[in-house]
C-alpha atoms as a PDB file:
ATOM      1  CA  UNK A   1      -0.121  -0.154  -0.347  1.00  0.00           C
ATOM      2  CA  UNK A   2       0.961   3.640  -0.709  1.00  0.00           C
ATOM      3  CA  UNK A   3       0.693   6.276   1.496  1.00  0.00           C
ATOM      4  CA  UNK A   4      -0.708   9.460   0.138  1.00  0.00           C
ATOM      5  CA  UNK A   5       0.577  12.945   0.920  1.00  0.00           C
ATOM      6  CA  UNK A   6      -1.889  15.601   0.537  1.00  0.00           C
ATOM      7  CA  UNK A   7      -0.327  19.070  -0.599  1.00  0.00           C
ATOM      8  CA  UNK A   8      -1.823  22.609   0.258  1.00  0.00           C
ATOM      9  CA  UNK A   9      -1.113  24.913  -3.093  1.00  0.00           C
ATOM     10  CA  UNK A  10      -2.030  27.961  -2.055  1.00  0.00           C
ATOM     11  CA  UNK A  11      -1.831  31.104  -5.109  1.00  0.00           C
ATOM     12  CA  UNK A  12       0.043  34.166  -5.041  1.00  0.00           C
ATOM     13  CA  UNK A  13      -1.846  37.388  -5.025  1.00  0.00           C
ATOM     14  CA  UNK A  14      -1.679  38.884  -8.003  1.00  0.00           C
ATOM     15  CA  UNK A  15      -3.244  42.411  -7.478  1.00  0.00           C
ATOM     16  CA  UNK A  16      -1.849  44.998  -4.348  1.00  0.00           C
ATOM     17  CA  UNK A  17      -5.714  44.474  -2.805  1.00  0.00           C
ATOM     18  CA  UNK A  18      -5.325  41.040  -2.961  1.00  0.00           C
ATOM     19  CA  UNK A  19      -2.814  41.335  -0.744  1.00  0.00           C
ATOM     20  CA  UNK A  20      -4.110  44.004   1.248  1.00  0.00           C
ATOM     21  CA  UNK A  21      -7.078  41.299   2.304  1.00  0.00           C
ATOM     22  CA  UNK A  22      -4.990  38.517   3.169  1.00  0.00           C
ATOM     23  CA  UNK A  23      -3.273  40.647   5.379  1.00  0.00           C
ATOM     24  CA  UNK A  24      -6.452  41.620   6.933  1.00  0.00           C
ATOM     25  CA  UNK A  25      -7.344  37.702   7.237  1.00  0.00           C
ATOM     26  CA  UNK A  26      -3.734  37.153   9.248  1.00  0.00           C
ATOM     27  CA  UNK A  27      -4.363  40.328  11.625  1.00  0.00           C
ATOM     28  CA  UNK A  28      -7.871  38.674  12.875  1.00  0.00           C
ATOM     29  CA  UNK A  29      -6.082  35.369  14.283  1.00  0.00           C
ATOM     30  CA  UNK A  30      -6.237  35.096  18.089  1.00  0.00           C
ATOM     31  CA  UNK A  31      -2.578  35.511  19.490  1.00  0.00           C
ATOM     32  CA  UNK A  32      -2.140  33.060  22.020  1.00  0.00           C
ATOM     33  CA  UNK A  33       0.911  34.010  24.946  1.00  0.00           C
ATOM     34  CA  UNK A  34       3.277  31.766  25.430  1.00  0.00           C
ATOM     35  CA  UNK A  35       6.298  31.135  27.520  1.00  0.00           C
ATOM     36  CA  UNK A  36       9.676  29.805  26.637  1.00  0.00           C
ATOM     37  CA  UNK A  37      11.872  28.267  28.810  1.00  0.00           C
ATOM     38  CA  UNK A  38      15.543  27.781  27.817  1.00  0.00           C
ATOM     39  CA  UNK A  39      17.849  25.151  29.501  1.00  0.00           C
ATOM     40  CA  UNK A  40      21.760  24.364  28.991  1.00  0.00           C
ATOM     41  CA  UNK A  41      23.684  22.146  30.828  1.00  0.00           C
ATOM     42  CA  UNK A  42      26.842  20.011  31.075  1.00  0.00           C
ATOM     43  CA  UNK A  43      25.142  17.001  32.248  1.00  0.00           C
ATOM     44  CA  UNK A  44      22.520  15.177  30.433  1.00  0.00           C
ATOM     45  CA  UNK A  45      21.011  12.986  33.358  1.00  0.00           C
ATOM     46  CA  UNK A  46      20.722  16.980  35.064  1.00  0.00           C
ATOM     47  CA  UNK A  47      18.986  18.096  32.513  1.00  0.00           C
ATOM     48  CA  UNK A  48      16.498  15.624  31.867  1.00  0.00           C
ATOM     49  CA  UNK A  49      15.310  15.551  35.530  1.00  0.00           C
ATOM     50  CA  UNK A  50      15.168  19.168  35.398  1.00  0.00           C
ATOM     51  CA  UNK A  51      12.813  19.531  32.435  1.00  0.00           C
ATOM     52  CA  UNK A  52      10.986  16.287  34.144  1.00  0.00           C
ATOM     53  CA  UNK A  53      10.388  18.843  37.433  1.00  0.00           C
ATOM     54  CA  UNK A  54       9.575  21.451  34.870  1.00  0.00           C
ATOM     55  CA  UNK A  55       7.045  19.162  33.182  1.00  0.00           C
ATOM     56  CA  UNK A  56       5.494  18.114  35.966  1.00  0.00           C
ATOM     57  CA  UNK A  57       4.112  22.099  37.478  1.00  0.00           C
ATOM     58  CA  UNK A  58       2.865  22.533  34.538  1.00  0.00           C
ATOM     59  CA  UNK A  59       0.619  19.477  34.552  1.00  0.00           C
ATOM     60  CA  UNK A  60      -0.172  20.306  37.829  1.00  0.00           C
ATOM     61  CA  UNK A  61      -1.320  23.440  36.663  1.00  0.00           C
ATOM     62  CA  UNK A  62      -3.298  22.122  34.217  1.00  0.00           C
ATOM     63  CA  UNK A  63      -1.517  24.239  30.990  1.00  0.00           C
ATOM     64  CA  UNK A  64      -0.299  22.973  27.421  1.00  0.00           C
ATOM     65  CA  UNK A  65       3.281  21.821  27.446  1.00  0.00           C
ATOM     66  CA  UNK A  66       4.743  22.056  23.982  1.00  0.00           C
ATOM     67  CA  UNK A  67       8.485  19.907  24.169  1.00  0.00           C
ATOM     68  CA  UNK A  68      11.379  19.281  25.656  1.00  0.00           C
ATOM     69  CA  UNK A  69      12.332  19.712  22.533  1.00  0.00           C
ATOM     70  CA  UNK A  70      16.331  18.629  22.204  1.00  0.00           C
ATOM     71  CA  UNK A  71      18.778  21.483  20.525  1.00  0.00           C
ATOM     72  CA  UNK A  72      22.016  20.122  19.003  1.00  0.00           C
ATOM     73  CA  UNK A  73      24.817  19.541  21.393  1.00  0.00           C
ATOM     74  CA  UNK A  74      27.086  22.449  21.544  1.00  0.00           C
ATOM     75  CA  UNK A  75      30.921  20.897  21.586  1.00  0.00           C
ATOM     76  CA  UNK A  76      33.363  23.055  22.414  1.00  0.00           C
ATOM     77  CA  UNK A  77      36.880  21.496  21.998  1.00  0.00           C
ATOM     78  CA  UNK A  78      40.372  23.130  23.091  1.00  0.00           C
ATOM     79  CA  UNK A  79      43.866  22.140  22.310  1.00  0.00           C
ATOM     80  CA  UNK A  80      47.078  22.642  25.145  1.00  0.00           C
ATOM     81  CA  UNK A  81      50.397  21.657  24.946  1.00  0.00           C
ATOM     82  CA  UNK A  82      51.517  19.036  26.925  1.00  0.00           C
ATOM     83  CA  UNK A  83      55.080  20.795  27.753  1.00  0.00           C
ATOM     84  CA  UNK A  84      55.584  24.320  28.568  1.00  0.00           C
ATOM     85  CA  UNK A  85      57.401  25.359  25.653  1.00  0.00           C
ATOM     86  CA  UNK A  86      60.038  21.794  24.634  1.00  0.00           C
ATOM     87  CA  UNK A  87      57.337  19.853  22.171  1.00  0.00           C
ATOM     88  CA  UNK A  88      55.445  21.312  20.603  1.00  0.00           C
ATOM     89  CA  UNK A  89      53.939  18.130  18.417  1.00  0.00           C
ATOM     90  CA  UNK A  90      52.554  16.698  21.549  1.00  0.00           C
ATOM     91  CA  UNK A  91      49.614  18.425  23.004  1.00  0.00           C
ATOM     92  CA  UNK A  92      46.197  17.310  24.426  1.00  0.00           C
ATOM     93  CA  UNK A  93      42.851  17.739  23.411  1.00  0.00           C
ATOM     94  CA  UNK A  94      39.499  18.659  25.727  1.00  0.00           C
ATOM     95  CA  UNK A  95      35.983  19.496  25.215  1.00  0.00           C
ATOM     96  CA  UNK A  96      33.234  20.504  26.667  1.00  0.00           C
ATOM     97  CA  UNK A  97      29.479  19.199  25.832  1.00  0.00           C
ATOM     98  CA  UNK A  98      26.422  21.882  26.451  1.00  0.00           C
ATOM     99  CA  UNK A  99      23.177  19.885  26.224  1.00  0.00           C
ATOM    100  CA  UNK A 100      20.286  22.303  25.699  1.00  0.00           C
ATOM    101  CA  UNK A 101      16.570  21.656  25.934  1.00  0.00           C
ATOM    102  CA  UNK A 102      13.689  24.161  24.922  1.00  0.00           C
ATOM    103  CA  UNK A 103      10.124  23.877  26.672  1.00  0.00           C
ATOM    104  CA  UNK A 104       7.225  26.196  25.396  1.00  0.00           C
ATOM    105  CA  UNK A 105       4.362  26.611  27.894  1.00  0.00           C
ATOM    106  CA  UNK A 106       1.152  27.728  25.783  1.00  0.00           C
ATOM    107  CA  UNK A 107      -1.228  30.251  27.673  1.00  0.00           C
ATOM    108  CA  UNK A 108       0.407  30.520  30.938  1.00  0.00           C
ATOM    109  CA  UNK A 109      -1.221  31.810  33.470  1.00  0.00           C
ATOM    110  CA  UNK A 110      -0.107  33.943  36.700  1.00  0.00           C
ATOM    111  CA  UNK A 111       0.720  30.849  39.037  1.00  0.00           C
ATOM    112  CA  UNK A 112       2.640  28.857  36.782  1.00  0.00           C
ATOM    113  CA  UNK A 113       4.854  31.704  36.421  1.00  0.00           C
ATOM    114  CA  UNK A 114       5.333  32.013  40.306  1.00  0.00           C
ATOM    115  CA  UNK A 115       5.876  28.257  40.248  1.00  0.00           C
ATOM    116  CA  UNK A 116       8.453  28.161  38.216  1.00  0.00           C
ATOM    117  CA  UNK A 117      10.286  31.423  39.614  1.00  0.00           C
ATOM    118  CA  UNK A 118      10.234  29.426  42.817  1.00  0.00           C
ATOM    119  CA  UNK A 119      11.560  26.018  41.247  1.00  0.00           C
ATOM    120  CA  UNK A 120      14.930  25.315  42.860  1.00  0.00           C
ATOM    121  CA  UNK A 121      16.928  23.796  40.200  1.00  0.00           C
ATOM    122  CA  UNK A 122      20.467  21.638  40.665  1.00  0.00           C
ATOM    123  CA  UNK A 123      23.431  23.425  40.590  1.00  0.00           C
ATOM    124  CA  UNK A 124      24.832  23.412  36.447  1.00  0.00           C
ATOM    125  CA  UNK A 125      21.385  24.045  35.401  1.00  0.00           C
ATOM    126  CA  UNK A 126      20.988  27.622  33.535  1.00  0.00           C
ATOM    127  CA  UNK A 127      17.880  28.371  32.932  1.00  0.00           C
ATOM    128  CA  UNK A 128      16.392  31.599  30.916  1.00  0.00           C
ATOM    129  CA  UNK A 129      12.166  32.808  30.671  1.00  0.00           C
ATOM    130  CA  UNK A 130      11.400  34.642  28.311  1.00  0.00           C
ATOM    131  CA  UNK A 131       7.312  35.416  27.446  1.00  0.00           C
END
């Protein structure tokens, strides 16, 4: 059996009047507020536990949650000489991995914002909240 994909093709407006009509339709739509939470940590286990805590708080307040969305891991590499100045070819390489996650909370209320402010996350987790 073959899977059928449905594609939607929109006509491009040809006149300026048509462009203005389309912009009116898009401006009448309801804009939902959302809370975006970005988490960064060096250890993936700690960041996963922190995400679990945030999602539990959101579920307690009955708010819709999108995520956690794992972002690409940022790898920072450093090359260092093993000796001070003599052996130039003897080097060591070190790397740090920064794991990132994003959580979106749709239509947040004041209670959830207060509970996220009072959240006690483990050290090593960087959190930023944008409305």
